[in-house]
Amino acid sequence: MSLMFPNTSRNYDTARRRVRFWGHDGAFEVCFFVEQSAIALMSPGTVVDETGALTTFDRSREKIIAAARSAYRGHGTGTYSLVAANF
């Protein structure tokens, strides 16, 4: 089964200044993070706080999902951090 993103929920990790979201590979849940460097690249000049990061995520969801699929190695293992280089 391929990686799917049926759940549109995401949240902001204030301590690490990144957005967390989840995908599913069959029964496995896979955790992804969009790091500050990627958020800044997608929306230059955005203040990377909760509002700015989540707004950028929502506006860039298709691009982020494509990067997540590219980074994913399969079998529902591990977590994945997407940085500017992933875009």
N, C-alpha and C. Protein backbone atom coordinates (compact mmCIF):
# COMPACT_ATOMS: atom_id res chain seq x y z
N MET A 1 0.85 -1.18 0.00
CA MET A 1 0.00 0.00 0.00
C MET A 1 0.90 1.24 0.00
N SER A 2 0.46 2.28 -0.64
CA SER A 2 1.27 3.49 -0.71
C SER A 2 0.92 4.44 0.43
N LEU A 3 1.77 5.41 0.60
CA LEU A 3 1.60 6.40 1.65
C LEU A 3 0.42 7.30 1.31
N MET A 4 -0.49 7.44 2.25
CA MET A 4 -1.69 8.26 2.07
C MET A 4 -1.76 9.30 3.19
N PHE A 5 -2.50 10.37 2.92
CA PHE A 5 -2.65 11.45 3.89
C PHE A 5 -4.13 11.79 4.05
N PRO A 6 -4.93 10.85 4.61
CA PRO A 6 -6.37 11.08 4.72
C PRO A 6 -6.75 12.08 5.81
N ASN A 7 -5.88 12.27 6.77
CA ASN A 7 -6.16 13.15 7.89
C ASN A 7 -5.46 14.49 7.64
N THR A 8 -6.21 15.56 7.58
CA THR A 8 -5.63 16.87 7.29
C THR A 8 -5.15 17.60 8.54
N SER A 9 -5.21 16.95 9.70
CA SER A 9 -4.77 17.63 10.91
C SER A 9 -3.26 17.83 10.90
N ARG A 10 -2.85 18.89 11.54
CA ARG A 10 -1.44 19.23 11.72
C ARG A 10 -1.37 20.09 12.96
N ASN A 11 -0.20 20.15 13.58
CA ASN A 11 -0.05 21.04 14.73
C ASN A 11 1.35 21.61 14.78
N TYR A 12 1.49 22.66 15.53
CA TYR A 12 2.75 23.38 15.62
C TYR A 12 3.47 22.98 16.90
N ASP A 13 4.73 22.61 16.76
CA ASP A 13 5.59 22.26 17.89
C ASP A 13 6.33 23.53 18.29
N THR A 14 5.85 24.20 19.31
CA THR A 14 6.39 25.49 19.73
C THR A 14 7.85 25.38 20.15
N ALA A 15 8.19 24.33 20.87
CA ALA A 15 9.56 24.18 21.37
C ALA A 15 10.58 24.06 20.25
N ARG A 16 10.21 23.37 19.17
CA ARG A 16 11.16 23.14 18.07
C ARG A 16 10.83 23.94 16.82
N ARG A 17 9.76 24.73 16.88
CA ARG A 17 9.37 25.63 15.79
C ARG A 17 9.22 24.88 14.46
N ARG A 18 8.35 23.87 14.47
CA ARG A 18 8.11 23.07 13.28
C ARG A 18 6.66 22.58 13.29
N VAL A 19 6.19 22.14 12.16
CA VAL A 19 4.82 21.65 12.02
C VAL A 19 4.87 20.12 11.92
N ARG A 20 3.99 19.48 12.67
CA ARG A 20 3.89 18.01 12.67
C ARG A 20 2.61 17.61 11.93
N PHE A 21 2.74 16.58 11.10
CA PHE A 21 1.56 16.01 10.44
C PHE A 21 1.80 14.53 10.24
N TRP A 22 0.75 13.81 9.84
CA TRP A 22 0.82 12.36 9.80
C TRP A 22 0.34 11.80 8.46
N GLY A 23 0.97 10.72 8.08
CA GLY A 23 0.53 9.95 6.92
C GLY A 23 0.26 8.53 7.38
N HIS A 24 -0.28 7.74 6.48
CA HIS A 24 -0.57 6.33 6.79
C HIS A 24 -0.10 5.45 5.65
N ASP A 25 0.60 4.39 6.02
CA ASP A 25 1.01 3.35 5.09
C ASP A 25 0.34 2.08 5.57
N GLY A 26 -0.82 1.80 5.01
CA GLY A 26 -1.60 0.68 5.52
C GLY A 26 -2.02 0.98 6.95
N ALA A 27 -1.69 0.09 7.87
CA ALA A 27 -2.04 0.27 9.27
C ALA A 27 -1.02 1.11 10.03
N PHE A 28 0.09 1.44 9.40
CA PHE A 28 1.14 2.19 10.08
C PHE A 28 0.92 3.69 9.97
N GLU A 29 1.03 4.37 11.09
CA GLU A 29 0.99 5.83 11.09
C GLU A 29 2.43 6.33 11.00
N VAL A 30 2.67 7.31 10.15
CA VAL A 30 4.01 7.84 9.93
C VAL A 30 3.99 9.33 10.29
N CYS A 31 4.92 9.74 11.13
CA CYS A 31 4.99 11.12 11.58
C CYS A 31 6.00 11.91 10.74
N PHE A 32 5.59 13.08 10.31
CA PHE A 32 6.43 13.98 9.54
C PHE A 32 6.51 15.33 10.23
N PHE A 33 7.64 16.00 10.04
CA PHE A 33 7.82 17.37 10.53
C PHE A 33 8.26 18.25 9.37
N VAL A 34 7.73 19.45 9.31
CA VAL A 34 8.23 20.46 8.38
C VAL A 34 9.01 21.44 9.24
N GLU A 35 10.31 21.45 9.04
CA GLU A 35 11.19 22.28 9.86
C GLU A 35 11.14 23.75 9.45
N GLN A 36 11.61 24.59 10.33
CA GLN A 36 11.61 26.03 10.15
C GLN A 36 12.26 26.45 8.83
N SER A 37 13.35 25.81 8.43
CA SER A 37 14.04 26.17 7.19
C SER A 37 13.14 25.99 5.97
N ALA A 38 12.33 24.94 5.98
CA ALA A 38 11.41 24.69 4.86
C ALA A 38 10.27 25.69 4.86
N ILE A 39 9.76 26.00 6.03
CA ILE A 39 8.67 26.98 6.14
C ILE A 39 9.14 28.33 5.61
N ALA A 40 10.34 28.73 6.00
CA ALA A 40 10.89 30.01 5.55
C ALA A 40 11.10 30.03 4.04
N LEU A 41 11.50 28.91 3.47
CA LEU A 41 11.71 28.82 2.02
C LEU A 41 10.39 28.94 1.26
N MET A 42 9.36 28.29 1.76
CA MET A 42 8.06 28.30 1.08
C MET A 42 7.36 29.65 1.18
N SER A 43 7.66 30.39 2.23
CA SER A 43 6.99 31.68 2.43
C SER A 43 7.99 32.68 3.01
N PRO A 44 8.88 33.18 2.17
CA PRO A 44 9.90 34.13 2.65
C PRO A 44 9.25 35.32 3.36
N GLY A 45 9.85 35.72 4.44
CA GLY A 45 9.36 36.86 5.20
C GLY A 45 8.31 36.50 6.24
N THR A 46 7.85 35.26 6.22
CA THR A 46 6.85 34.83 7.21
C THR A 46 7.51 34.70 8.57
N VAL A 47 6.85 35.21 9.58
CA VAL A 47 7.30 35.00 10.95
C VAL A 47 6.98 33.55 11.28
N VAL A 48 7.99 32.80 11.68
CA VAL A 48 7.77 31.38 11.97
C VAL A 48 7.32 31.24 13.42
N ASP A 49 6.06 31.58 13.61
CA ASP A 49 5.37 31.31 14.86
C ASP A 49 4.22 30.36 14.51
N GLU A 50 3.37 30.05 15.46
CA GLU A 50 2.31 29.08 15.19
C GLU A 50 1.42 29.51 14.02
N THR A 51 0.95 30.74 14.04
CA THR A 51 0.05 31.21 12.99
C THR A 51 0.73 31.21 11.62
N GLY A 52 1.94 31.76 11.54
CA GLY A 52 2.65 31.83 10.28
C GLY A 52 2.99 30.45 9.73
N ALA A 53 3.45 29.57 10.60
CA ALA A 53 3.84 28.22 10.16
C ALA A 53 2.64 27.42 9.67
N LEU A 54 1.53 27.48 10.41
CA LEU A 54 0.35 26.71 10.00
C LEU A 54 -0.29 27.29 8.74
N THR A 55 -0.28 28.61 8.60
CA THR A 55 -0.80 29.22 7.37
C THR A 55 0.04 28.81 6.18
N THR A 56 1.37 28.84 6.33
CA THR A 56 2.26 28.42 5.24
C THR A 56 2.04 26.95 4.93
N PHE A 57 1.90 26.11 5.94
CA PHE A 57 1.64 24.69 5.72
C PHE A 57 0.37 24.50 4.90
N ASP A 58 -0.70 25.16 5.32
CA ASP A 58 -1.99 24.99 4.63
C ASP A 58 -1.90 25.45 3.17
N ARG A 59 -1.22 26.53 2.92
CA ARG A 59 -1.09 27.05 1.55
C ARG A 59 -0.18 26.17 0.69
N SER A 60 0.71 25.43 1.33
CA SER A 60 1.71 24.64 0.60
C SER A 60 1.50 23.14 0.76
N ARG A 61 0.33 22.74 1.21
CA ARG A 61 0.06 21.32 1.53
C ARG A 61 0.43 20.37 0.39
N GLU A 62 0.06 20.67 -0.84
CA GLU A 62 0.36 19.76 -1.95
C GLU A 62 1.86 19.58 -2.13
N LYS A 63 2.61 20.66 -2.05
CA LYS A 63 4.06 20.60 -2.18
C LYS A 63 4.67 19.81 -1.01
N ILE A 64 4.14 20.00 0.17
CA ILE A 64 4.65 19.31 1.36
C ILE A 64 4.35 17.81 1.27
N ILE A 65 3.16 17.45 0.84
CA ILE A 65 2.81 16.03 0.68
C ILE A 65 3.72 15.37 -0.35
N ALA A 66 4.00 16.06 -1.45
CA ALA A 66 4.90 15.52 -2.47
C ALA A 66 6.29 15.30 -1.89
N ALA A 67 6.78 16.24 -1.09
CA ALA A 67 8.10 16.10 -0.46
C ALA A 67 8.10 14.95 0.55
N ALA A 68 7.01 14.80 1.28
CA ALA A 68 6.90 13.70 2.25
C ALA A 68 6.93 12.35 1.55
N ARG A 69 6.20 12.23 0.47
CA ARG A 69 6.21 10.96 -0.29
C ARG A 69 7.61 10.66 -0.81
N SER A 70 8.31 11.67 -1.27
CA SER A 70 9.67 11.48 -1.78
C SER A 70 10.64 11.06 -0.68
N ALA A 71 10.47 11.60 0.52
CA ALA A 71 11.37 11.30 1.64
C ALA A 71 11.07 9.95 2.29
N TYR A 72 9.85 9.48 2.16
CA TYR A 72 9.41 8.28 2.86
C TYR A 72 10.14 7.04 2.35
N ARG A 73 10.59 6.22 3.28
CA ARG A 73 11.35 5.01 2.95
C ARG A 73 10.55 3.73 3.10
N GLY A 74 9.34 3.82 3.56
CA GLY A 74 8.47 2.65 3.63
C GLY A 74 8.40 1.96 4.96
N HIS A 75 7.42 1.10 5.08
CA HIS A 75 7.20 0.23 6.23
C HIS A 75 6.77 0.95 7.49
N GLY A 76 6.35 2.19 7.39
CA GLY A 76 5.80 2.89 8.54
C GLY A 76 6.76 3.13 9.68
N THR A 77 8.05 3.06 9.41
CA THR A 77 9.01 3.20 10.49
C THR A 77 9.61 4.59 10.54
N GLY A 78 9.89 5.03 11.75
CA GLY A 78 10.60 6.28 11.94
C GLY A 78 9.75 7.53 11.76
N THR A 79 10.42 8.65 11.97
CA THR A 79 9.80 9.95 11.71
C THR A 79 10.65 10.63 10.65
N TYR A 80 10.07 11.57 9.98
CA TYR A 80 10.74 12.23 8.86
C TYR A 80 10.68 13.74 9.05
N SER A 81 11.83 14.37 8.95
CA SER A 81 11.91 15.82 9.02
C SER A 81 12.17 16.38 7.65
N LEU A 82 11.29 17.24 7.19
CA LEU A 82 11.44 17.87 5.89
C LEU A 82 12.07 19.24 6.10
N VAL A 83 13.21 19.46 5.46
CA VAL A 83 13.95 20.71 5.57
C VAL A 83 13.95 21.40 4.21
N ALA A 84 14.54 22.56 4.12
CA ALA A 84 14.56 23.32 2.87
C ALA A 84 15.06 22.48 1.69
N ALA A 85 16.06 21.65 1.92
CA ALA A 85 16.63 20.83 0.84
C ALA A 85 15.63 19.84 0.24
N ASN A 86 14.57 19.50 0.96
CA ASN A 86 13.54 18.61 0.45
C ASN A 86 12.63 19.29 -0.58
N PHE A 87 12.75 20.59 -0.67
CA PHE A 87 11.89 21.35 -1.58
C PHE A 87 12.74 21.96 -2.66
